[in-house]
Structures are given as C-alpha cells and as structure tokens.
Amino acid sequence: MRNYTRINHQIRVPTVRCVDAEGEQIGVIPISQALNMARAAGLDLVEVAAQSQPPVCRIMDYGKFKYEQQKREAEARKKQ
C-alpha cells in the first residue's frame, strides 16, 4: 500500500495543528483559516501527520515536497 498525502481541500477535518513555511508552529486553527493562510502565501496546505489529533499540516510548496520525498526514496533504495 502506497502512502497518500492529502493536500488543500482533500483535508477533511474541522481543525488542524498548523506549521508555517519557516517551520514556526502557528497552533491549532480551523481548516478554513489554514487554507486561507496557505493560499495567501501562494503555497499548499500539506497534511504531514495524519494520525495525530488534530492532524499536523504544513504550509509548503507541494511540488517541491514531492520531489524531495522521491529523492529520499531513491537514495534509500540505492543504499539497500
């Protein structure tokens, strides 16, 4: 089973623990406010810890996140 990262409107919870693009914790806020902050920054809201209560989301560039994740996976496969 492949991990699936939810972004923006795919995140369906009333509140999230939000971290901004610089890594600073914003706190527990409504999902609508987190989405507005991400949109205002021109970035995406990415769910990074779905199992925690409330889920942890980070404001970041999803394309860059996906690229770096693939790079780490390729490096891990190379070292096996």
N, C-alpha and C. Protein backbone atom coordinates (compact mmCIF):
# COMPACT_ATOMS: atom_id res chain seq x y z
N MET A 1 0.84 -1.19 0.00
CA MET A 1 0.00 0.00 0.00
C MET A 1 0.88 1.25 0.00
N ARG A 2 0.58 2.18 -0.85
CA ARG A 2 1.37 3.39 -1.01
C ARG A 2 0.79 4.50 -0.11
N ASN A 3 1.66 5.26 0.51
CA ASN A 3 1.21 6.39 1.32
C ASN A 3 0.60 7.45 0.42
N TYR A 4 -0.47 8.06 0.89
CA TYR A 4 -1.14 9.09 0.13
C TYR A 4 -1.16 10.35 0.98
N THR A 5 -0.60 11.42 0.45
CA THR A 5 -0.53 12.69 1.17
C THR A 5 -1.71 13.56 0.74
N ARG A 6 -2.51 13.97 1.72
CA ARG A 6 -3.65 14.84 1.40
C ARG A 6 -3.18 16.30 1.40
N ILE A 7 -3.70 17.07 0.44
CA ILE A 7 -3.35 18.48 0.35
C ILE A 7 -4.61 19.32 0.19
N ASN A 8 -4.51 20.57 0.61
CA ASN A 8 -5.55 21.58 0.46
C ASN A 8 -6.94 21.05 0.81
N HIS A 9 -7.88 21.05 -0.13
CA HIS A 9 -9.28 20.70 0.16
C HIS A 9 -9.50 19.21 0.33
N GLN A 10 -8.48 18.38 0.16
CA GLN A 10 -8.60 16.95 0.43
C GLN A 10 -8.57 16.67 1.93
N ILE A 11 -8.11 17.64 2.71
CA ILE A 11 -8.03 17.50 4.16
C ILE A 11 -9.43 17.81 4.71
N ARG A 12 -10.07 16.81 5.31
CA ARG A 12 -11.46 16.94 5.74
C ARG A 12 -11.61 16.83 7.26
N VAL A 13 -11.02 17.74 7.98
CA VAL A 13 -11.15 17.79 9.44
C VAL A 13 -11.48 19.23 9.83
N PRO A 14 -12.16 19.44 10.96
CA PRO A 14 -12.54 20.81 11.33
C PRO A 14 -11.36 21.68 11.77
N THR A 15 -10.38 21.08 12.48
CA THR A 15 -9.23 21.85 12.96
C THR A 15 -7.94 21.09 12.68
N VAL A 16 -6.84 21.84 12.52
CA VAL A 16 -5.52 21.24 12.29
C VAL A 16 -4.48 21.98 13.13
N ARG A 17 -3.40 21.28 13.44
CA ARG A 17 -2.24 21.93 14.05
C ARG A 17 -1.39 22.40 12.88
N CYS A 18 -1.19 23.69 12.76
CA CYS A 18 -0.58 24.26 11.57
C CYS A 18 0.86 24.72 11.84
N VAL A 19 1.72 24.45 10.85
CA VAL A 19 3.11 24.89 10.88
C VAL A 19 3.33 25.71 9.61
N ASP A 20 3.93 26.89 9.73
CA ASP A 20 4.11 27.74 8.55
C ASP A 20 5.32 27.30 7.72
N ALA A 21 5.57 28.00 6.63
CA ALA A 21 6.62 27.64 5.68
C ALA A 21 8.02 27.71 6.31
N GLU A 22 8.20 28.51 7.35
CA GLU A 22 9.50 28.63 8.01
C GLU A 22 9.68 27.61 9.12
N GLY A 23 8.66 26.81 9.39
CA GLY A 23 8.74 25.80 10.44
C GLY A 23 8.23 26.27 11.79
N GLU A 24 7.68 27.48 11.85
CA GLU A 24 7.14 28.02 13.10
C GLU A 24 5.74 27.47 13.34
N GLN A 25 5.49 26.99 14.57
CA GLN A 25 4.16 26.49 14.90
C GLN A 25 3.18 27.64 15.03
N ILE A 26 2.07 27.53 14.34
CA ILE A 26 1.02 28.54 14.43
C ILE A 26 0.04 28.15 15.53
N GLY A 27 -0.21 26.85 15.66
CA GLY A 27 -1.12 26.35 16.68
C GLY A 27 -2.29 25.62 16.06
N VAL A 28 -3.28 25.30 16.88
CA VAL A 28 -4.48 24.61 16.41
C VAL A 28 -5.46 25.66 15.90
N ILE A 29 -5.78 25.58 14.61
CA ILE A 29 -6.66 26.57 13.98
C ILE A 29 -7.68 25.85 13.09
N PRO A 30 -8.79 26.51 12.76
CA PRO A 30 -9.76 25.91 11.84
C PRO A 30 -9.14 25.68 10.47
N ILE A 31 -9.57 24.62 9.79
CA ILE A 31 -9.02 24.28 8.48
C ILE A 31 -9.20 25.42 7.48
N SER A 32 -10.32 26.13 7.57
CA SER A 32 -10.57 27.23 6.63
C SER A 32 -9.52 28.33 6.78
N GLN A 33 -9.14 28.63 8.01
CA GLN A 33 -8.11 29.65 8.25
C GLN A 33 -6.76 29.18 7.73
N ALA A 34 -6.43 27.90 7.94
CA ALA A 34 -5.16 27.35 7.45
C ALA A 34 -5.11 27.39 5.93
N LEU A 35 -6.22 27.05 5.27
CA LEU A 35 -6.27 27.09 3.81
C LEU A 35 -6.11 28.52 3.29
N ASN A 36 -6.74 29.47 3.97
CA ASN A 36 -6.62 30.88 3.57
C ASN A 36 -5.18 31.37 3.72
N MET A 37 -4.50 30.96 4.80
CA MET A 37 -3.11 31.37 5.01
C MET A 37 -2.21 30.78 3.92
N ALA A 38 -2.44 29.53 3.56
CA ALA A 38 -1.64 28.88 2.51
C ALA A 38 -1.88 29.56 1.17
N ARG A 39 -3.13 29.83 0.87
CA ARG A 39 -3.48 30.49 -0.40
C ARG A 39 -2.86 31.88 -0.47
N ALA A 40 -2.90 32.62 0.63
CA ALA A 40 -2.34 33.97 0.67
C ALA A 40 -0.83 33.95 0.44
N ALA A 41 -0.17 32.87 0.89
CA ALA A 41 1.28 32.75 0.71
C ALA A 41 1.64 32.16 -0.65
N GLY A 42 0.62 31.75 -1.42
CA GLY A 42 0.88 31.13 -2.72
C GLY A 42 1.42 29.72 -2.60
N LEU A 43 1.10 29.05 -1.49
CA LEU A 43 1.60 27.70 -1.23
C LEU A 43 0.44 26.74 -0.99
N ASP A 44 0.76 25.50 -0.66
CA ASP A 44 -0.25 24.47 -0.40
C ASP A 44 -0.27 24.12 1.08
N LEU A 45 -1.42 23.62 1.54
CA LEU A 45 -1.53 23.09 2.89
C LEU A 45 -1.38 21.58 2.76
N VAL A 46 -0.32 21.02 3.34
CA VAL A 46 0.00 19.60 3.19
C VAL A 46 -0.11 18.91 4.55
N GLU A 47 -0.86 17.81 4.60
CA GLU A 47 -1.01 17.03 5.83
C GLU A 47 0.25 16.19 6.01
N VAL A 48 1.00 16.44 7.09
CA VAL A 48 2.27 15.72 7.30
C VAL A 48 2.17 14.66 8.40
N ALA A 49 1.18 14.75 9.27
CA ALA A 49 0.99 13.75 10.33
C ALA A 49 -0.51 13.52 10.51
N ALA A 50 -1.05 12.61 9.71
CA ALA A 50 -2.49 12.37 9.71
C ALA A 50 -2.97 11.65 10.96
N GLN A 51 -2.10 10.86 11.61
CA GLN A 51 -2.52 10.04 12.74
C GLN A 51 -2.65 10.82 14.05
N SER A 52 -2.03 11.99 14.14
CA SER A 52 -2.10 12.75 15.39
C SER A 52 -3.46 13.45 15.51
N GLN A 53 -3.77 13.87 16.73
CA GLN A 53 -5.03 14.57 16.99
C GLN A 53 -4.75 15.96 17.52
N PRO A 54 -5.09 17.04 16.88
CA PRO A 54 -5.57 17.09 15.49
C PRO A 54 -4.42 16.83 14.51
N PRO A 55 -4.73 16.52 13.25
CA PRO A 55 -3.68 16.26 12.26
C PRO A 55 -2.75 17.47 12.11
N VAL A 56 -1.48 17.21 11.84
CA VAL A 56 -0.50 18.28 11.65
C VAL A 56 -0.40 18.58 10.16
N CYS A 57 -0.55 19.86 9.82
CA CYS A 57 -0.46 20.30 8.43
C CYS A 57 0.61 21.38 8.34
N ARG A 58 1.29 21.40 7.20
CA ARG A 58 2.34 22.38 6.99
C ARG A 58 2.06 23.16 5.72
N ILE A 59 2.31 24.46 5.78
CA ILE A 59 2.17 25.32 4.61
C ILE A 59 3.48 25.23 3.84
N MET A 60 3.42 24.67 2.62
CA MET A 60 4.64 24.47 1.82
C MET A 60 4.28 24.32 0.35
N ASP A 61 5.31 24.30 -0.48
CA ASP A 61 5.14 24.04 -1.92
C ASP A 61 5.06 22.53 -2.09
N TYR A 62 3.89 22.01 -2.47
CA TYR A 62 3.69 20.56 -2.57
C TYR A 62 4.58 19.93 -3.64
N GLY A 63 4.79 20.61 -4.76
CA GLY A 63 5.65 20.09 -5.82
C GLY A 63 7.07 19.85 -5.33
N LYS A 64 7.59 20.81 -4.57
CA LYS A 64 8.94 20.69 -4.01
C LYS A 64 8.99 19.56 -2.98
N PHE A 65 7.96 19.46 -2.15
CA PHE A 65 7.87 18.41 -1.14
C PHE A 65 7.89 17.04 -1.79
N LYS A 66 7.09 16.86 -2.85
CA LYS A 66 7.00 15.59 -3.56
C LYS A 66 8.35 15.23 -4.20
N TYR A 67 9.01 16.21 -4.80
CA TYR A 67 10.32 15.99 -5.42
C TYR A 67 11.34 15.52 -4.39
N GLU A 68 11.40 16.20 -3.24
CA GLU A 68 12.36 15.84 -2.20
C GLU A 68 12.06 14.47 -1.61
N GLN A 69 10.77 14.14 -1.50
CA GLN A 69 10.36 12.83 -0.99
C GLN A 69 10.82 11.72 -1.95
N GLN A 70 10.65 11.93 -3.24
CA GLN A 70 11.08 10.94 -4.23
C GLN A 70 12.60 10.78 -4.22
N LYS A 71 13.30 11.89 -4.03
CA LYS A 71 14.76 11.85 -3.97
C LYS A 71 15.23 11.02 -2.77
N ARG A 72 14.59 11.20 -1.62
CA ARG A 72 14.94 10.43 -0.42
C ARG A 72 14.67 8.94 -0.63
N GLU A 73 13.53 8.62 -1.26
CA GLU A 73 13.19 7.22 -1.52
C GLU A 73 14.20 6.58 -2.46
N ALA A 74 14.62 7.29 -3.49
CA ALA A 74 15.60 6.77 -4.44
C ALA A 74 16.94 6.54 -3.74
N GLU A 75 17.32 7.46 -2.87
CA GLU A 75 18.58 7.33 -2.12
C GLU A 75 18.52 6.12 -1.19
N ALA A 76 17.37 5.90 -0.56
CA ALA A 76 17.20 4.76 0.34
C ALA A 76 17.28 3.44 -0.44
N ARG A 77 16.70 3.40 -1.63
CA ARG A 77 16.77 2.19 -2.46
C ARG A 77 18.20 1.92 -2.90
N LYS A 78 18.94 2.98 -3.18
CA LYS A 78 20.32 2.84 -3.62
C LYS A 78 21.20 2.23 -2.52
N LYS A 79 20.90 2.56 -1.28
CA LYS A 79 21.73 2.10 -0.15
C LYS A 79 21.39 0.68 0.30
N GLN A 80 20.36 0.08 -0.25
CA GLN A 80 19.97 -1.28 0.16
C GLN A 80 20.89 -2.31 -0.42
